[in-house]
């Protein structure tokens, strides 16, 4: 289990190799990488600034991971979330889940990402041609997270 909030970028192959190291019982690794888009809500985005309150963020991410491990038979979880100034095409987040079987790993990875979008205290500010704007929560993200309260494994 590993949760990191950092400014530095990450390398997928390095992170997955570390997750799998000396774990012959693993049969599946599912990974999701979120990227900075160059357009959002109809406007060009030249920069994304991610802010957070470290203690609150760490606690929220640990809670999300604990919930995933309680719901699914998974062995390892890796969450890396970047903060600071990010440019279009840069990586924002990595969620990787490893376990004996693909089904639980896929479900847990999706659950973790849905909850990151709605429960983790990150604040995003985009730079657009019209100036800076805070990114509001999306109702589609709330709906995605809500389904997990009804869809128990």
C-alpha atoms as a PDB file:
ATOM      1  CA  UNK A   1       0.000   0.000   0.000  1.00  0.00           C
ATOM      2  CA  UNK A   2       1.329   3.352  -0.974  1.00  0.00           C
ATOM      3  CA  UNK A   3      -0.215   6.800  -1.130  1.00  0.00           C
ATOM      4  CA  UNK A   4       1.840   9.735  -2.299  1.00  0.00           C
ATOM      5  CA  UNK A   5       0.948  13.348  -2.983  1.00  0.00           C
ATOM      6  CA  UNK A   6       3.793  15.040  -4.801  1.00  0.00           C
ATOM      7  CA  UNK A   7       4.773  17.713  -7.292  1.00  0.00           C
ATOM      8  CA  UNK A   8       7.128  15.458  -9.249  1.00  0.00           C
ATOM      9  CA  UNK A   9       5.964  13.393 -12.202  1.00  0.00           C
ATOM     10  CA  UNK A  10       5.932   9.584 -12.023  1.00  0.00           C
ATOM     11  CA  UNK A  11       6.916   6.777 -14.369  1.00  0.00           C
ATOM     12  CA  UNK A  12       4.245   4.122 -14.863  1.00  0.00           C
ATOM     13  CA  UNK A  13       6.596   1.235 -15.609  1.00  0.00           C
ATOM     14  CA  UNK A  14       8.793   2.001 -12.595  1.00  0.00           C
ATOM     15  CA  UNK A  15       5.792   2.253 -10.275  1.00  0.00           C
ATOM     16  CA  UNK A  16       4.178  -0.970 -11.537  1.00  0.00           C
ATOM     17  CA  UNK A  17       7.484  -2.857 -11.313  1.00  0.00           C
ATOM     18  CA  UNK A  18       7.821  -1.793  -7.674  1.00  0.00           C
ATOM     19  CA  UNK A  19       4.217  -2.792  -6.967  1.00  0.00           C
ATOM     20  CA  UNK A  20       4.783  -6.268  -8.439  1.00  0.00           C
ATOM     21  CA  UNK A  21       8.244  -6.878  -7.008  1.00  0.00           C
ATOM     22  CA  UNK A  22       8.529 -10.262  -5.265  1.00  0.00           C
ATOM     23  CA  UNK A  23       4.766 -10.852  -5.514  1.00  0.00           C
ATOM     24  CA  UNK A  24       4.309 -14.078  -7.543  1.00  0.00           C
ATOM     25  CA  UNK A  25       0.776 -14.510  -6.191  1.00  0.00           C
ATOM     26  CA  UNK A  26      -0.463 -11.497  -8.142  1.00  0.00           C
ATOM     27  CA  UNK A  27      -2.497 -12.342 -11.225  1.00  0.00           C
ATOM     28  CA  UNK A  28      -3.679  -8.862 -12.197  1.00  0.00           C
ATOM     29  CA  UNK A  29      -2.579  -5.250 -12.078  1.00  0.00           C
ATOM     30  CA  UNK A  30      -5.029  -2.582 -13.200  1.00  0.00           C
ATOM     31  CA  UNK A  31      -3.832   0.993 -13.602  1.00  0.00           C
ATOM     32  CA  UNK A  32      -5.477   4.306 -14.421  1.00  0.00           C
ATOM     33  CA  UNK A  33      -3.622   7.505 -15.304  1.00  0.00           C
ATOM     34  CA  UNK A  34      -5.423  10.849 -15.344  1.00  0.00           C
ATOM     35  CA  UNK A  35      -4.053  13.574 -17.615  1.00  0.00           C
ATOM     36  CA  UNK A  36      -4.398  17.351 -17.886  1.00  0.00           C
ATOM     37  CA  UNK A  37      -6.635  18.208 -20.842  1.00  0.00           C
ATOM     38  CA  UNK A  38      -6.016  21.252 -23.004  1.00  0.00           C
ATOM     39  CA  UNK A  39      -9.717  22.101 -23.048  1.00  0.00           C
ATOM     40  CA  UNK A  40     -12.376  21.995 -20.348  1.00  0.00           C
ATOM     41  CA  UNK A  41     -15.940  23.274 -20.310  1.00  0.00           C
ATOM     42  CA  UNK A  42     -15.459  24.719 -23.773  1.00  0.00           C
ATOM     43  CA  UNK A  43     -12.372  26.785 -22.975  1.00  0.00           C
ATOM     44  CA  UNK A  44      -8.712  26.266 -23.751  1.00  0.00           C
ATOM     45  CA  UNK A  45      -6.659  25.409 -20.687  1.00  0.00           C
ATOM     46  CA  UNK A  46      -3.006  26.459 -20.618  1.00  0.00           C
ATOM     47  CA  UNK A  47      -2.277  25.423 -17.044  1.00  0.00           C
ATOM     48  CA  UNK A  48      -3.844  23.609 -14.109  1.00  0.00           C
ATOM     49  CA  UNK A  49      -2.895  24.435 -10.543  1.00  0.00           C
ATOM     50  CA  UNK A  50      -3.724  21.770  -7.954  1.00  0.00           C
ATOM     51  CA  UNK A  51      -3.774  22.716  -4.293  1.00  0.00           C
ATOM     52  CA  UNK A  52      -4.435  20.664  -1.165  1.00  0.00           C
ATOM     53  CA  UNK A  53      -4.176  20.619   2.599  1.00  0.00           C
ATOM     54  CA  UNK A  54      -1.674  17.781   3.261  1.00  0.00           C
ATOM     55  CA  UNK A  55      -3.033  16.303   6.501  1.00  0.00           C
ATOM     56  CA  UNK A  56      -6.635  16.351   5.303  1.00  0.00           C
ATOM     57  CA  UNK A  57      -5.701  14.931   1.898  1.00  0.00           C
ATOM     58  CA  UNK A  58      -3.644  12.072   3.332  1.00  0.00           C
ATOM     59  CA  UNK A  59      -6.462  11.086   5.694  1.00  0.00           C
ATOM     60  CA  UNK A  60      -9.033  11.130   2.870  1.00  0.00           C
ATOM     61  CA  UNK A  61      -6.853   9.041   0.553  1.00  0.00           C
ATOM     62  CA  UNK A  62      -6.172   6.487   3.289  1.00  0.00           C
ATOM     63  CA  UNK A  63      -9.908   6.211   3.960  1.00  0.00           C
ATOM     64  CA  UNK A  64     -10.642   5.599   0.270  1.00  0.00           C
ATOM     65  CA  UNK A  65      -7.982   2.899   0.118  1.00  0.00           C
ATOM     66  CA  UNK A  66      -9.312   1.228   3.277  1.00  0.00           C
ATOM     67  CA  UNK A  67     -12.831   1.171   1.841  1.00  0.00           C
ATOM     68  CA  UNK A  68     -11.584  -0.448  -1.383  1.00  0.00           C
ATOM     69  CA  UNK A  69      -9.695  -3.129   0.532  1.00  0.00           C
ATOM     70  CA  UNK A  70     -12.777  -3.861   2.641  1.00  0.00           C
ATOM     71  CA  UNK A  71     -14.973  -4.270  -0.456  1.00  0.00           C
ATOM     72  CA  UNK A  72     -12.710  -6.283  -2.758  1.00  0.00           C
ATOM     73  CA  UNK A  73     -10.158  -9.051  -2.458  1.00  0.00           C
ATOM     74  CA  UNK A  74      -7.123  -7.021  -3.532  1.00  0.00           C
ATOM     75  CA  UNK A  75      -3.535  -7.156  -2.348  1.00  0.00           C
ATOM     76  CA  UNK A  76      -1.938  -3.823  -3.223  1.00  0.00           C
ATOM     77  CA  UNK A  77      -3.054  -0.266  -3.891  1.00  0.00           C
ATOM     78  CA  UNK A  78      -0.923   2.572  -5.208  1.00  0.00           C
ATOM     79  CA  UNK A  79      -2.200   6.138  -5.454  1.00  0.00           C
ATOM     80  CA  UNK A  80       0.048   8.945  -6.658  1.00  0.00           C
ATOM     81  CA  UNK A  81      -1.621  12.351  -6.975  1.00  0.00           C
ATOM     82  CA  UNK A  82       0.302  15.341  -8.178  1.00  0.00           C
ATOM     83  CA  UNK A  83      -0.117  18.900  -6.942  1.00  0.00           C
ATOM     84  CA  UNK A  84       1.284  22.223  -8.069  1.00  0.00           C
ATOM     85  CA  UNK A  85       1.487  23.625 -11.589  1.00  0.00           C
ATOM     86  CA  UNK A  86       0.645  21.168 -14.373  1.00  0.00           C
ATOM     87  CA  UNK A  87       0.458  21.679 -18.124  1.00  0.00           C
ATOM     88  CA  UNK A  88      -1.779  20.007 -20.724  1.00  0.00           C
ATOM     89  CA  UNK A  89      -0.824  16.366 -21.410  1.00  0.00           C
ATOM     90  CA  UNK A  90       0.957  16.019 -18.056  1.00  0.00           C
ATOM     91  CA  UNK A  91      -0.011  13.225 -15.685  1.00  0.00           C
ATOM     92  CA  UNK A  92      -2.127  14.164 -12.682  1.00  0.00           C
ATOM     93  CA  UNK A  93      -2.918  10.890 -10.964  1.00  0.00           C
ATOM     94  CA  UNK A  94      -2.018   7.214 -10.977  1.00  0.00           C
ATOM     95  CA  UNK A  95      -4.244   4.606  -9.363  1.00  0.00           C
ATOM     96  CA  UNK A  96      -2.957   1.027  -9.528  1.00  0.00           C
ATOM     97  CA  UNK A  97      -4.560  -1.999  -7.931  1.00  0.00           C
ATOM     98  CA  UNK A  98      -3.060  -5.484  -7.778  1.00  0.00           C
ATOM     99  CA  UNK A  99      -4.659  -8.746  -6.790  1.00  0.00           C
ATOM    100  CA  UNK A 100      -5.074 -12.382  -7.678  1.00  0.00           C
ATOM    101  CA  UNK A 101      -7.859 -11.726 -10.202  1.00  0.00           C
ATOM    102  CA  UNK A 102      -8.739  -8.990 -12.700  1.00  0.00           C
ATOM    103  CA  UNK A 103     -12.392  -8.476 -11.712  1.00  0.00           C
ATOM    104  CA  UNK A 104     -11.806  -7.184  -8.197  1.00  0.00           C
ATOM    105  CA  UNK A 105      -8.765  -5.197  -9.382  1.00  0.00           C
ATOM    106  CA  UNK A 106     -10.805  -3.406 -12.097  1.00  0.00           C
ATOM    107  CA  UNK A 107     -13.667  -2.657  -9.718  1.00  0.00           C
ATOM    108  CA  UNK A 108     -11.423  -1.408  -6.931  1.00  0.00           C
ATOM    109  CA  UNK A 109      -9.454   0.801  -9.334  1.00  0.00           C
ATOM    110  CA  UNK A 110     -12.642   2.377 -10.678  1.00  0.00           C
ATOM    111  CA  UNK A 111     -14.039   2.838  -7.164  1.00  0.00           C
ATOM    112  CA  UNK A 112     -10.851   4.520  -5.958  1.00  0.00           C
ATOM    113  CA  UNK A 113     -10.808   6.895  -8.923  1.00  0.00           C
ATOM    114  CA  UNK A 114     -14.511   7.757  -8.527  1.00  0.00           C
ATOM    115  CA  UNK A 115     -13.959   8.497  -4.853  1.00  0.00           C
ATOM    116  CA  UNK A 116     -10.803  10.509  -5.530  1.00  0.00           C
ATOM    117  CA  UNK A 117     -12.835  12.767  -7.809  1.00  0.00           C
ATOM    118  CA  UNK A 118     -15.527  13.355  -5.196  1.00  0.00           C
ATOM    119  CA  UNK A 119     -14.066  12.755  -1.725  1.00  0.00           C
ATOM    120  CA  UNK A 120     -10.423  13.817  -1.880  1.00  0.00           C
ATOM    121  CA  UNK A 121      -9.807  17.463  -0.967  1.00  0.00           C
ATOM    122  CA  UNK A 122      -7.961  18.785  -4.002  1.00  0.00           C
ATOM    123  CA  UNK A 123      -8.704  22.224  -5.397  1.00  0.00           C
ATOM    124  CA  UNK A 124      -8.119  22.847  -9.096  1.00  0.00           C
ATOM    125  CA  UNK A 125      -7.662  26.211 -10.774  1.00  0.00           C
ATOM    126  CA  UNK A 126      -7.405  26.412 -14.568  1.00  0.00           C
ATOM    127  CA  UNK A 127      -5.751  29.154 -16.534  1.00  0.00           C
ATOM    128  CA  UNK A 128      -7.846  30.021 -19.614  1.00  0.00           C
ATOM    129  CA  UNK A 129      -7.787  32.849 -22.186  1.00  0.00           C
ATOM    130  CA  UNK A 130     -10.418  34.599 -20.032  1.00  0.00           C
ATOM    131  CA  UNK A 131      -8.307  34.285 -16.881  1.00  0.00           C
ATOM    132  CA  UNK A 132      -8.103  31.885 -13.971  1.00  0.00           C
ATOM    133  CA  UNK A 133     -11.128  29.892 -12.821  1.00  0.00           C
ATOM    134  CA  UNK A 134     -11.755  27.297 -10.142  1.00  0.00           C
ATOM    135  CA  UNK A 135     -12.923  23.925 -11.405  1.00  0.00           C
ATOM    136  CA  UNK A 136     -16.315  23.010  -9.996  1.00  0.00           C
ATOM    137  CA  UNK A 137     -17.338  19.496  -9.060  1.00  0.00           C
ATOM    138  CA  UNK A 138     -19.226  17.680 -11.800  1.00  0.00           C
ATOM    139  CA  UNK A 139     -22.588  16.033 -11.258  1.00  0.00           C
ATOM    140  CA  UNK A 140     -21.379  13.126 -13.432  1.00  0.00           C
ATOM    141  CA  UNK A 141     -18.564  12.483 -10.931  1.00  0.00           C
ATOM    142  CA  UNK A 142     -21.048  12.522  -8.063  1.00  0.00           C
ATOM    143  CA  UNK A 143     -23.281  10.061  -9.936  1.00  0.00           C
ATOM    144  CA  UNK A 144     -20.325   7.748 -10.587  1.00  0.00           C
ATOM    145  CA  UNK A 145     -19.408   7.716  -6.899  1.00  0.00           C
ATOM    146  CA  UNK A 146     -23.030   7.346  -5.807  1.00  0.00           C
ATOM    147  CA  UNK A 147     -23.425   4.047  -7.633  1.00  0.00           C
ATOM    148  CA  UNK A 148     -20.893   2.439  -5.259  1.00  0.00           C
ATOM    149  CA  UNK A 149     -23.225   3.033  -2.327  1.00  0.00           C
ATOM    150  CA  UNK A 150     -25.804   0.834  -4.089  1.00  0.00           C
ATOM    151  CA  UNK A 151     -23.453  -1.579  -5.882  1.00  0.00           C
ATOM    152  CA  UNK A 152     -21.866  -3.665  -3.161  1.00  0.00           C
ATOM    153  CA  UNK A 153     -19.790  -6.644  -4.346  1.00  0.00           C
END
